[in-house]
Amino acid sequence: MFISEKKGQVSEQDVEHVLRTPQTRWERQVTADLIAEMEVHLGEKVDCVHDMRVALAVAGYRGVHERILKAIEGKSGAEAIRAMAFAMRSYALGNPGLAAASFRNPQIDSKEWQEAGAAMAQTVFRVFAEFGLVGEPAHHAVRILRSLVRGFILNEMASDATQPLEFQKSYVLGVEVFVQGLSALRQPDLGALDC
């Protein structure tokens, strides 16, 4: 039985049963409905779950990239890094599904996904280069920034409204700690930091 005896309630056992059940006609229909909705809203042909994943990721990459470009316009250095970090969080909060899709690394078999990811990466690395971080230090900076943004987004989405501290203030402080800590990546020998 997929639905619990109590009308309108779904138990954990119901969910577990559905997750363990081989793909059903119902699951294929849900996938078909999602694909149809995506085709309407994204204006792209989507034939399967893989195509759906690609379309969402590409839309996510393009959306956050556009937000970053607007935020950093006319800015450079630490100011641009702060603006980029705030734009990434703002996009993720406003578009959680697309942001989650863009959290994944581009798949090798999707040229469009790779191109969207590469365009955004080029902008992000340019911002760090203007700050004086290139090569390995820039890659570390990008990884740390992505982790900061993702971590805050996941905590913010999972929290309840009774939290005593507001996330915005914590995020502003986190970005400031990140920006001020970037000087550690300018050390001549990052290898000395290996554990």
N, C-alpha and C. Protein backbone atom coordinates (compact mmCIF):
# COMPACT_ATOMS: atom_id res chain seq x y z
N MET A 1 0.85 -1.18 0.00
CA MET A 1 0.00 0.00 0.00
C MET A 1 0.89 1.24 0.00
N PHE A 2 0.63 2.18 -0.92
CA PHE A 2 1.45 3.38 -1.05
C PHE A 2 1.00 4.49 -0.13
N ILE A 3 -0.25 4.53 0.22
CA ILE A 3 -0.77 5.63 1.03
C ILE A 3 -1.24 5.07 2.36
N SER A 4 -0.90 5.80 3.42
CA SER A 4 -1.25 5.30 4.75
C SER A 4 -2.75 5.27 4.95
N GLU A 5 -3.16 4.56 5.99
CA GLU A 5 -4.57 4.41 6.30
C GLU A 5 -5.22 5.75 6.65
N LYS A 6 -4.44 6.65 7.23
CA LYS A 6 -4.99 7.96 7.61
C LYS A 6 -5.07 8.84 6.37
N LYS A 7 -6.23 9.36 6.10
CA LYS A 7 -6.46 10.15 4.91
C LYS A 7 -5.57 11.40 4.91
N GLY A 8 -4.87 11.61 3.79
CA GLY A 8 -4.07 12.81 3.62
C GLY A 8 -2.70 12.76 4.28
N GLN A 9 -2.34 11.64 4.88
CA GLN A 9 -1.03 11.54 5.53
C GLN A 9 -0.21 10.45 4.87
N VAL A 10 1.08 10.72 4.71
CA VAL A 10 1.99 9.74 4.14
C VAL A 10 3.04 9.44 5.20
N SER A 11 3.18 8.16 5.53
CA SER A 11 4.13 7.77 6.57
C SER A 11 5.52 7.57 5.98
N GLU A 12 6.51 7.44 6.85
CA GLU A 12 7.87 7.15 6.41
C GLU A 12 7.92 5.81 5.70
N GLN A 13 7.13 4.86 6.17
CA GLN A 13 7.11 3.55 5.53
C GLN A 13 6.58 3.65 4.10
N ASP A 14 5.60 4.52 3.88
CA ASP A 14 5.07 4.72 2.53
C ASP A 14 6.16 5.25 1.61
N VAL A 15 6.89 6.23 2.09
CA VAL A 15 7.96 6.84 1.30
C VAL A 15 9.05 5.80 1.01
N GLU A 16 9.45 5.06 2.02
CA GLU A 16 10.47 4.02 1.85
C GLU A 16 10.02 2.99 0.80
N HIS A 17 8.74 2.61 0.87
CA HIS A 17 8.22 1.64 -0.08
C HIS A 17 8.31 2.17 -1.51
N VAL A 18 7.93 3.41 -1.71
CA VAL A 18 7.98 4.00 -3.05
C VAL A 18 9.42 4.08 -3.53
N LEU A 19 10.36 4.47 -2.65
CA LEU A 19 11.75 4.60 -3.06
C LEU A 19 12.38 3.26 -3.42
N ARG A 20 11.94 2.19 -2.79
CA ARG A 20 12.50 0.86 -3.06
C ARG A 20 11.82 0.16 -4.22
N THR A 21 10.70 0.64 -4.66
CA THR A 21 9.94 0.00 -5.72
C THR A 21 10.57 0.33 -7.08
N PRO A 22 10.66 -0.67 -7.98
CA PRO A 22 11.18 -0.38 -9.33
C PRO A 22 10.30 0.68 -10.00
N GLN A 23 10.88 1.31 -11.01
CA GLN A 23 10.16 2.38 -11.68
C GLN A 23 8.78 1.90 -12.13
N THR A 24 7.79 2.67 -11.78
CA THR A 24 6.41 2.31 -12.07
C THR A 24 5.85 3.22 -13.16
N ARG A 25 4.66 2.89 -13.59
CA ARG A 25 3.97 3.74 -14.55
C ARG A 25 3.76 5.13 -13.96
N TRP A 26 3.47 5.16 -12.66
CA TRP A 26 3.26 6.44 -11.96
C TRP A 26 4.54 7.27 -11.99
N GLU A 27 5.69 6.63 -11.72
CA GLU A 27 6.97 7.35 -11.71
C GLU A 27 7.30 7.86 -13.12
N ARG A 28 7.02 7.04 -14.12
CA ARG A 28 7.26 7.48 -15.49
C ARG A 28 6.36 8.67 -15.83
N GLN A 29 5.14 8.66 -15.32
CA GLN A 29 4.21 9.77 -15.58
C GLN A 29 4.68 11.05 -14.89
N VAL A 30 5.16 10.93 -13.64
CA VAL A 30 5.68 12.10 -12.93
C VAL A 30 6.85 12.69 -13.71
N THR A 31 7.75 11.82 -14.16
CA THR A 31 8.89 12.28 -14.95
C THR A 31 8.42 12.96 -16.22
N ALA A 32 7.45 12.37 -16.90
CA ALA A 32 6.92 12.97 -18.13
C ALA A 32 6.29 14.33 -17.86
N ASP A 33 5.56 14.44 -16.74
CA ASP A 33 4.95 15.73 -16.39
C ASP A 33 6.01 16.79 -16.10
N LEU A 34 7.05 16.40 -15.36
CA LEU A 34 8.14 17.35 -15.07
C LEU A 34 8.83 17.80 -16.35
N ILE A 35 9.08 16.84 -17.23
CA ILE A 35 9.73 17.16 -18.50
C ILE A 35 8.87 18.12 -19.31
N ALA A 36 7.57 17.88 -19.36
CA ALA A 36 6.67 18.76 -20.11
C ALA A 36 6.69 20.18 -19.54
N GLU A 37 6.66 20.28 -18.21
CA GLU A 37 6.71 21.60 -17.56
C GLU A 37 8.03 22.31 -17.89
N MET A 38 9.12 21.57 -17.84
CA MET A 38 10.42 22.17 -18.13
C MET A 38 10.49 22.66 -19.56
N GLU A 39 9.95 21.89 -20.48
CA GLU A 39 9.98 22.31 -21.88
C GLU A 39 9.22 23.62 -22.07
N VAL A 40 8.10 23.76 -21.36
CA VAL A 40 7.32 25.00 -21.45
C VAL A 40 8.10 26.17 -20.88
N HIS A 41 8.68 26.00 -19.67
CA HIS A 41 9.33 27.11 -18.98
C HIS A 41 10.74 27.39 -19.46
N LEU A 42 11.47 26.37 -19.89
CA LEU A 42 12.84 26.58 -20.33
C LEU A 42 12.94 26.73 -21.84
N GLY A 43 11.89 26.36 -22.55
CA GLY A 43 11.90 26.48 -24.00
C GLY A 43 12.86 25.52 -24.67
N GLU A 44 13.16 24.41 -24.03
CA GLU A 44 14.09 23.43 -24.58
C GLU A 44 13.43 22.05 -24.60
N LYS A 45 13.83 21.24 -25.57
CA LYS A 45 13.33 19.88 -25.68
C LYS A 45 14.02 19.01 -24.64
N VAL A 46 13.24 18.28 -23.85
CA VAL A 46 13.75 17.41 -22.80
C VAL A 46 13.13 16.03 -23.01
N ASP A 47 13.97 15.01 -23.29
CA ASP A 47 13.46 13.69 -23.61
C ASP A 47 13.52 12.68 -22.48
N CYS A 48 14.36 12.92 -21.47
CA CYS A 48 14.53 11.94 -20.41
C CYS A 48 15.03 12.64 -19.14
N VAL A 49 15.21 11.86 -18.08
CA VAL A 49 15.67 12.42 -16.82
C VAL A 49 17.06 13.05 -16.99
N HIS A 50 17.93 12.39 -17.77
CA HIS A 50 19.25 12.95 -18.02
C HIS A 50 19.14 14.33 -18.67
N ASP A 51 18.27 14.45 -19.68
CA ASP A 51 18.08 15.73 -20.35
C ASP A 51 17.51 16.77 -19.38
N MET A 52 16.63 16.31 -18.49
CA MET A 52 16.04 17.20 -17.50
C MET A 52 17.15 17.73 -16.57
N ARG A 53 18.02 16.85 -16.12
CA ARG A 53 19.13 17.24 -15.24
C ARG A 53 20.02 18.26 -15.95
N VAL A 54 20.34 18.01 -17.21
CA VAL A 54 21.19 18.92 -17.99
C VAL A 54 20.51 20.27 -18.14
N ALA A 55 19.23 20.27 -18.52
CA ALA A 55 18.51 21.53 -18.73
C ALA A 55 18.46 22.36 -17.45
N LEU A 56 18.21 21.71 -16.32
CA LEU A 56 18.17 22.44 -15.04
C LEU A 56 19.54 22.99 -14.68
N ALA A 57 20.59 22.20 -14.87
CA ALA A 57 21.94 22.65 -14.55
C ALA A 57 22.36 23.81 -15.43
N VAL A 58 22.09 23.71 -16.71
CA VAL A 58 22.45 24.79 -17.64
C VAL A 58 21.70 26.07 -17.27
N ALA A 59 20.41 25.95 -16.99
CA ALA A 59 19.63 27.13 -16.58
C ALA A 59 20.18 27.70 -15.28
N GLY A 60 20.57 26.83 -14.35
CA GLY A 60 21.14 27.28 -13.09
C GLY A 60 22.46 28.00 -13.28
N TYR A 61 23.36 27.41 -14.06
CA TYR A 61 24.65 28.05 -14.33
C TYR A 61 24.45 29.41 -14.99
N ARG A 62 23.58 29.45 -15.99
CA ARG A 62 23.35 30.72 -16.69
C ARG A 62 22.73 31.77 -15.77
N GLY A 63 21.80 31.33 -14.93
CA GLY A 63 21.15 32.26 -14.02
C GLY A 63 22.09 32.85 -13.00
N VAL A 64 22.89 32.00 -12.36
CA VAL A 64 23.83 32.51 -11.35
C VAL A 64 24.93 33.32 -12.02
N HIS A 65 25.34 32.93 -13.23
CA HIS A 65 26.36 33.70 -13.95
C HIS A 65 25.86 35.11 -14.27
N GLU A 66 24.64 35.18 -14.74
CA GLU A 66 24.04 36.49 -15.04
C GLU A 66 23.97 37.36 -13.78
N ARG A 67 23.58 36.75 -12.67
CA ARG A 67 23.48 37.47 -11.40
C ARG A 67 24.86 37.98 -10.96
N ILE A 68 25.89 37.14 -11.12
CA ILE A 68 27.25 37.54 -10.76
C ILE A 68 27.71 38.71 -11.63
N LEU A 69 27.49 38.59 -12.95
CA LEU A 69 27.91 39.66 -13.85
C LEU A 69 27.30 41.00 -13.48
N LYS A 70 26.02 41.01 -13.16
CA LYS A 70 25.36 42.25 -12.75
C LYS A 70 25.93 42.78 -11.44
N ALA A 71 26.21 41.88 -10.51
CA ALA A 71 26.68 42.28 -9.19
C ALA A 71 28.09 42.86 -9.22
N ILE A 72 28.96 42.34 -10.09
CA ILE A 72 30.35 42.79 -10.09
C ILE A 72 30.61 43.95 -11.04
N GLU A 73 29.60 44.34 -11.78
CA GLU A 73 29.78 45.42 -12.75
C GLU A 73 30.30 46.68 -12.05
N GLY A 74 31.43 47.19 -12.55
CA GLY A 74 32.03 48.40 -11.99
C GLY A 74 32.81 48.18 -10.70
N LYS A 75 32.96 46.93 -10.31
CA LYS A 75 33.67 46.62 -9.06
C LYS A 75 34.93 45.82 -9.37
N SER A 76 35.87 45.85 -8.45
CA SER A 76 37.07 45.04 -8.59
C SER A 76 37.61 44.69 -7.21
N GLY A 77 38.57 43.77 -7.19
CA GLY A 77 39.21 43.39 -5.94
C GLY A 77 38.24 42.79 -4.93
N ALA A 78 38.47 43.13 -3.67
CA ALA A 78 37.65 42.58 -2.58
C ALA A 78 36.18 42.95 -2.73
N GLU A 79 35.93 44.14 -3.24
CA GLU A 79 34.54 44.58 -3.43
C GLU A 79 33.81 43.66 -4.43
N ALA A 80 34.50 43.27 -5.50
CA ALA A 80 33.90 42.37 -6.49
C ALA A 80 33.69 40.98 -5.91
N ILE A 81 34.63 40.52 -5.09
CA ILE A 81 34.49 39.19 -4.48
C ILE A 81 33.29 39.17 -3.54
N ARG A 82 33.15 40.21 -2.75
CA ARG A 82 31.98 40.30 -1.85
C ARG A 82 30.69 40.31 -2.67
N ALA A 83 30.65 41.14 -3.71
CA ALA A 83 29.45 41.24 -4.54
C ALA A 83 29.13 39.89 -5.18
N MET A 84 30.16 39.17 -5.62
CA MET A 84 29.95 37.86 -6.24
C MET A 84 29.37 36.88 -5.21
N ALA A 85 29.92 36.88 -4.00
CA ALA A 85 29.44 35.97 -2.95
C ALA A 85 27.99 36.27 -2.59
N PHE A 86 27.63 37.54 -2.51
CA PHE A 86 26.24 37.90 -2.18
C PHE A 86 25.31 37.54 -3.33
N ALA A 87 25.78 37.71 -4.58
CA ALA A 87 24.95 37.36 -5.74
C ALA A 87 24.69 35.86 -5.79
N MET A 88 25.70 35.07 -5.47
CA MET A 88 25.55 33.61 -5.50
C MET A 88 24.51 33.16 -4.47
N ARG A 89 24.58 33.71 -3.27
CA ARG A 89 23.62 33.34 -2.23
C ARG A 89 22.21 33.81 -2.60
N SER A 90 22.12 35.04 -3.08
CA SER A 90 20.82 35.59 -3.45
C SER A 90 20.15 34.75 -4.53
N TYR A 91 20.94 34.35 -5.53
CA TYR A 91 20.38 33.51 -6.59
C TYR A 91 19.90 32.18 -6.03
N ALA A 92 20.71 31.57 -5.20
CA ALA A 92 20.35 30.25 -4.64
C ALA A 92 19.10 30.32 -3.78
N LEU A 93 18.95 31.38 -3.01
CA LEU A 93 17.75 31.51 -2.18
C LEU A 93 16.50 31.75 -3.02
N GLY A 94 16.64 32.48 -4.10
CA GLY A 94 15.50 32.76 -4.97
C GLY A 94 15.17 31.65 -5.94
N ASN A 95 16.13 30.80 -6.22
CA ASN A 95 15.97 29.72 -7.20
C ASN A 95 16.59 28.44 -6.66
N PRO A 96 16.06 27.90 -5.57
CA PRO A 96 16.73 26.77 -4.92
C PRO A 96 16.90 25.54 -5.81
N GLY A 97 15.94 25.24 -6.65
CA GLY A 97 16.05 24.07 -7.52
C GLY A 97 17.14 24.24 -8.56
N LEU A 98 17.16 25.40 -9.21
CA LEU A 98 18.18 25.65 -10.22
C LEU A 98 19.55 25.77 -9.58
N ALA A 99 19.61 26.37 -8.40
CA ALA A 99 20.89 26.49 -7.70
C ALA A 99 21.42 25.11 -7.35
N ALA A 100 20.56 24.24 -6.85
CA ALA A 100 20.99 22.88 -6.51
C ALA A 100 21.50 22.15 -7.75
N ALA A 101 20.83 22.35 -8.87
CA ALA A 101 21.28 21.71 -10.11
C ALA A 101 22.64 22.26 -10.53
N SER A 102 22.87 23.54 -10.29
CA SER A 102 24.15 24.14 -10.69
C SER A 102 25.27 23.83 -9.70
N PHE A 103 24.95 23.26 -8.55
CA PHE A 103 25.98 22.86 -7.60
C PHE A 103 26.78 21.67 -8.13
N ARG A 104 26.21 20.94 -9.06
CA ARG A 104 26.90 19.78 -9.62
C ARG A 104 27.93 20.25 -10.65
N ASN A 105 29.00 19.48 -10.77
CA ASN A 105 30.00 19.78 -11.80
C ASN A 105 29.44 19.38 -13.16
N PRO A 106 29.82 20.11 -14.21
CA PRO A 106 29.30 19.78 -15.55
C PRO A 106 29.64 18.36 -15.95
N GLN A 107 28.69 17.70 -16.62
CA GLN A 107 28.91 16.34 -17.09
C GLN A 107 29.65 16.38 -18.43
N ILE A 108 30.55 15.44 -18.58
CA ILE A 108 31.41 15.41 -19.77
C ILE A 108 30.61 15.25 -21.05
N ASP A 109 29.50 14.53 -20.97
CA ASP A 109 28.74 14.24 -22.19
C ASP A 109 27.78 15.35 -22.60
N SER A 110 27.81 16.48 -21.91
CA SER A 110 26.91 17.58 -22.26
C SER A 110 27.72 18.83 -22.59
N LYS A 111 27.82 19.10 -23.88
CA LYS A 111 28.59 20.27 -24.34
C LYS A 111 27.97 21.56 -23.80
N GLU A 112 26.65 21.64 -23.81
CA GLU A 112 25.97 22.85 -23.34
C GLU A 112 26.22 23.08 -21.85
N TRP A 113 26.20 22.01 -21.06
CA TRP A 113 26.45 22.10 -19.62
C TRP A 113 27.90 22.54 -19.39
N GLN A 114 28.83 21.95 -20.15
CA GLN A 114 30.23 22.33 -20.02
C GLN A 114 30.44 23.80 -20.38
N GLU A 115 29.81 24.24 -21.45
CA GLU A 115 29.97 25.64 -21.89
C GLU A 115 29.39 26.61 -20.87
N ALA A 116 28.23 26.30 -20.32
CA ALA A 116 27.63 27.17 -19.30
C ALA A 116 28.50 27.22 -18.06
N GLY A 117 29.01 26.07 -17.64
CA GLY A 117 29.90 26.01 -16.48
C GLY A 117 31.20 26.74 -16.73
N ALA A 118 31.76 26.59 -17.94
CA ALA A 118 33.02 27.24 -18.28
C ALA A 118 32.87 28.76 -18.33
N ALA A 119 31.74 29.23 -18.85
CA ALA A 119 31.51 30.68 -18.91
C ALA A 119 31.45 31.28 -17.52
N MET A 120 30.74 30.60 -16.61
CA MET A 120 30.66 31.11 -15.25
C MET A 120 32.03 31.02 -14.57
N ALA A 121 32.72 29.91 -14.76
CA ALA A 121 34.04 29.74 -14.14
C ALA A 121 35.01 30.81 -14.63
N GLN A 122 34.94 31.14 -15.89
CA GLN A 122 35.82 32.18 -16.45
C GLN A 122 35.61 33.51 -15.73
N THR A 123 34.35 33.85 -15.48
CA THR A 123 34.05 35.09 -14.77
C THR A 123 34.56 35.04 -13.34
N VAL A 124 34.29 33.93 -12.67
CA VAL A 124 34.71 33.79 -11.26
C VAL A 124 36.24 33.85 -11.15
N PHE A 125 36.94 33.14 -12.02
CA PHE A 125 38.40 33.16 -11.97
C PHE A 125 38.96 34.54 -12.33
N ARG A 126 38.27 35.26 -13.21
CA ARG A 126 38.69 36.62 -13.55
C ARG A 126 38.61 37.53 -12.33
N VAL A 127 37.53 37.38 -11.55
CA VAL A 127 37.37 38.19 -10.34
C VAL A 127 38.51 37.91 -9.37
N PHE A 128 38.85 36.64 -9.19
CA PHE A 128 39.95 36.31 -8.29
C PHE A 128 41.30 36.76 -8.86
N ALA A 129 41.47 36.69 -10.18
CA ALA A 129 42.72 37.15 -10.80
C ALA A 129 42.92 38.65 -10.57
N GLU A 130 41.84 39.41 -10.67
CA GLU A 130 41.92 40.85 -10.42
C GLU A 130 42.31 41.13 -8.96
N PHE A 131 42.05 40.18 -8.09
CA PHE A 131 42.41 40.29 -6.68
C PHE A 131 43.84 39.81 -6.44
N GLY A 132 44.43 39.19 -7.47
CA GLY A 132 45.81 38.71 -7.36
C GLY A 132 45.93 37.22 -7.12
N LEU A 133 44.84 36.48 -7.29
CA LEU A 133 44.88 35.03 -7.11
C LEU A 133 44.69 34.34 -8.46
N VAL A 134 45.70 33.58 -8.87
CA VAL A 134 45.63 32.81 -10.11
C VAL A 134 46.17 31.41 -9.84
N GLY A 135 45.93 30.51 -10.76
CA GLY A 135 46.45 29.15 -10.63
C GLY A 135 45.85 28.42 -9.45
N GLU A 136 46.69 27.65 -8.76
CA GLU A 136 46.23 26.83 -7.64
C GLU A 136 45.55 27.66 -6.55
N PRO A 137 46.12 28.80 -6.15
CA PRO A 137 45.44 29.59 -5.11
C PRO A 137 44.02 30.01 -5.52
N ALA A 138 43.84 30.33 -6.80
CA ALA A 138 42.51 30.71 -7.27
C ALA A 138 41.56 29.52 -7.20
N HIS A 139 42.05 28.34 -7.54
CA HIS A 139 41.20 27.14 -7.47
C HIS A 139 40.77 26.86 -6.03
N HIS A 140 41.70 27.04 -5.10
CA HIS A 140 41.33 26.88 -3.69
C HIS A 140 40.29 27.92 -3.28
N ALA A 141 40.48 29.15 -3.72
CA ALA A 141 39.54 30.23 -3.37
C ALA A 141 38.14 29.92 -3.90
N VAL A 142 38.06 29.42 -5.13
CA VAL A 142 36.76 29.08 -5.72
C VAL A 142 36.11 27.94 -4.93
N ARG A 143 36.88 26.94 -4.60
CA ARG A 143 36.34 25.80 -3.85
C ARG A 143 35.82 26.25 -2.47
N ILE A 144 36.58 27.12 -1.82
CA ILE A 144 36.18 27.60 -0.50
C ILE A 144 34.92 28.46 -0.62
N LEU A 145 34.87 29.32 -1.62
CA LEU A 145 33.67 30.16 -1.81
C LEU A 145 32.45 29.31 -2.11
N ARG A 146 32.58 28.33 -2.99
CA ARG A 146 31.45 27.46 -3.30
C ARG A 146 30.96 26.73 -2.04
N SER A 147 31.90 26.28 -1.22
CA SER A 147 31.55 25.59 0.02
C SER A 147 30.84 26.53 0.99
N LEU A 148 31.32 27.77 1.07
CA LEU A 148 30.70 28.77 1.93
C LEU A 148 29.25 29.02 1.51
N VAL A 149 29.07 29.25 0.22
CA VAL A 149 27.72 29.53 -0.29
C VAL A 149 26.81 28.33 -0.08
N ARG A 150 27.26 27.16 -0.51
CA ARG A 150 26.44 25.94 -0.37
C ARG A 150 26.10 25.65 1.08
N GLY A 151 27.09 25.77 1.94
CA GLY A 151 26.87 25.50 3.36
C GLY A 151 25.82 26.41 3.96
N PHE A 152 25.92 27.70 3.66
CA PHE A 152 24.92 28.63 4.19
C PHE A 152 23.55 28.33 3.61
N ILE A 153 23.48 28.06 2.32
CA ILE A 153 22.19 27.79 1.69
C ILE A 153 21.55 26.55 2.32
N LEU A 154 22.32 25.49 2.47
CA LEU A 154 21.76 24.26 3.05
C LEU A 154 21.31 24.49 4.49
N ASN A 155 22.11 25.18 5.28
CA ASN A 155 21.73 25.47 6.67
C ASN A 155 20.50 26.37 6.73
N GLU A 156 20.46 27.35 5.86
CA GLU A 156 19.34 28.29 5.85
C GLU A 156 18.04 27.60 5.47
N MET A 157 18.11 26.74 4.47
CA MET A 157 16.90 26.04 4.03
C MET A 157 16.43 25.01 5.05
N ALA A 158 17.36 24.44 5.81
CA ALA A 158 17.00 23.41 6.77
C ALA A 158 16.62 23.97 8.14
N SER A 159 16.83 25.26 8.35
CA SER A 159 16.57 25.83 9.68
C SER A 159 15.10 26.20 9.84
N ASP A 160 14.73 26.40 11.09
CA ASP A 160 13.37 26.87 11.34
C ASP A 160 13.43 28.35 11.71
N ALA A 161 12.29 28.96 11.78
CA ALA A 161 12.22 30.40 12.00
C ALA A 161 12.58 30.81 13.42
N THR A 162 12.77 29.86 14.31
CA THR A 162 13.05 30.20 15.70
C THR A 162 14.54 30.38 15.99
N GLN A 163 15.38 30.32 14.96
CA GLN A 163 16.82 30.51 15.16
C GLN A 163 17.07 31.92 15.71
N PRO A 164 17.91 32.04 16.75
CA PRO A 164 18.12 33.34 17.38
C PRO A 164 18.92 34.33 16.52
N LEU A 165 19.79 33.83 15.66
CA LEU A 165 20.60 34.72 14.82
C LEU A 165 20.08 34.69 13.40
N GLU A 166 20.07 35.84 12.76
CA GLU A 166 19.62 35.87 11.38
C GLU A 166 20.76 35.47 10.45
N PHE A 167 20.42 34.72 9.42
CA PHE A 167 21.42 34.19 8.50
C PHE A 167 22.12 35.30 7.72
N GLN A 168 21.41 36.36 7.38
CA GLN A 168 22.02 37.43 6.60
C GLN A 168 23.25 37.98 7.31
N LYS A 169 23.13 38.27 8.60
CA LYS A 169 24.26 38.81 9.34
C LYS A 169 25.40 37.80 9.39
N SER A 170 25.08 36.53 9.65
CA SER A 170 26.11 35.49 9.69
C SER A 170 26.79 35.37 8.33
N TYR A 171 26.01 35.48 7.25
CA TYR A 171 26.60 35.35 5.92
C TYR A 171 27.53 36.52 5.63
N VAL A 172 27.10 37.73 5.97
CA VAL A 172 27.95 38.91 5.77
C VAL A 172 29.27 38.71 6.51
N LEU A 173 29.20 38.24 7.75
CA LEU A 173 30.41 37.99 8.54
C LEU A 173 31.26 36.88 7.90
N GLY A 174 30.60 35.83 7.42
CA GLY A 174 31.32 34.73 6.76
C GLY A 174 32.05 35.19 5.52
N VAL A 175 31.40 36.02 4.72
CA VAL A 175 32.04 36.55 3.51
C VAL A 175 33.23 37.42 3.89
N GLU A 176 33.07 38.22 4.93
CA GLU A 176 34.18 39.09 5.36
C GLU A 176 35.36 38.26 5.86
N VAL A 177 35.10 37.21 6.62
CA VAL A 177 36.17 36.32 7.07
C VAL A 177 36.85 35.69 5.85
N PHE A 178 36.05 35.26 4.87
CA PHE A 178 36.59 34.67 3.64
C PHE A 178 37.49 35.67 2.91
N VAL A 179 37.00 36.88 2.68
CA VAL A 179 37.76 37.88 1.93
C VAL A 179 39.06 38.21 2.66
N GLN A 180 38.97 38.44 3.95
CA GLN A 180 40.18 38.77 4.70
C GLN A 180 41.14 37.58 4.77
N GLY A 181 40.62 36.38 4.74
CA GLY A 181 41.46 35.19 4.79
C GLY A 181 42.12 34.83 3.47
N LEU A 182 41.69 35.47 2.38
CA LEU A 182 42.29 35.17 1.08
C LEU A 182 43.78 35.46 1.05
N SER A 183 44.25 36.32 1.93
CA SER A 183 45.69 36.62 1.96
C SER A 183 46.51 35.36 2.26
N ALA A 184 45.92 34.40 2.95
CA ALA A 184 46.62 33.14 3.24
C ALA A 184 46.93 32.39 1.95
N LEU A 185 46.12 32.59 0.91
CA LEU A 185 46.35 31.92 -0.37
C LEU A 185 47.44 32.61 -1.18
N ARG A 186 47.88 33.75 -0.74
CA ARG A 186 48.95 34.46 -1.45
C ARG A 186 50.33 34.04 -0.93
N GLN A 187 50.38 33.08 -0.01
CA GLN A 187 51.65 32.61 0.53
C GLN A 187 52.44 31.96 -0.60
N PRO A 188 53.74 32.15 -0.60
CA PRO A 188 54.54 31.61 -1.70
C PRO A 188 54.55 30.08 -1.78
N ASP A 189 54.40 29.38 -0.65
CA ASP A 189 54.48 27.93 -0.67
C ASP A 189 53.24 27.33 0.00
N LEU A 190 52.18 27.11 -0.79
CA LEU A 190 50.97 26.51 -0.24
C LEU A 190 51.21 25.06 0.17
N GLY A 191 52.21 24.41 -0.41
CA GLY A 191 52.52 23.04 -0.07
C GLY A 191 52.90 22.87 1.40
N ALA A 192 53.41 23.93 2.02
CA ALA A 192 53.79 23.85 3.43
C ALA A 192 52.57 23.68 4.32
N LEU A 193 51.37 23.94 3.79
CA LEU A 193 50.13 23.80 4.56
C LEU A 193 49.59 22.38 4.53
N ASP A 194 50.20 21.51 3.71
CA ASP A 194 49.70 20.13 3.60
C ASP A 194 49.72 19.45 4.96
N CYS A 195 48.71 18.62 5.17
CA CYS A 195 48.62 17.88 6.44
C CYS A 195 49.30 16.54 6.32
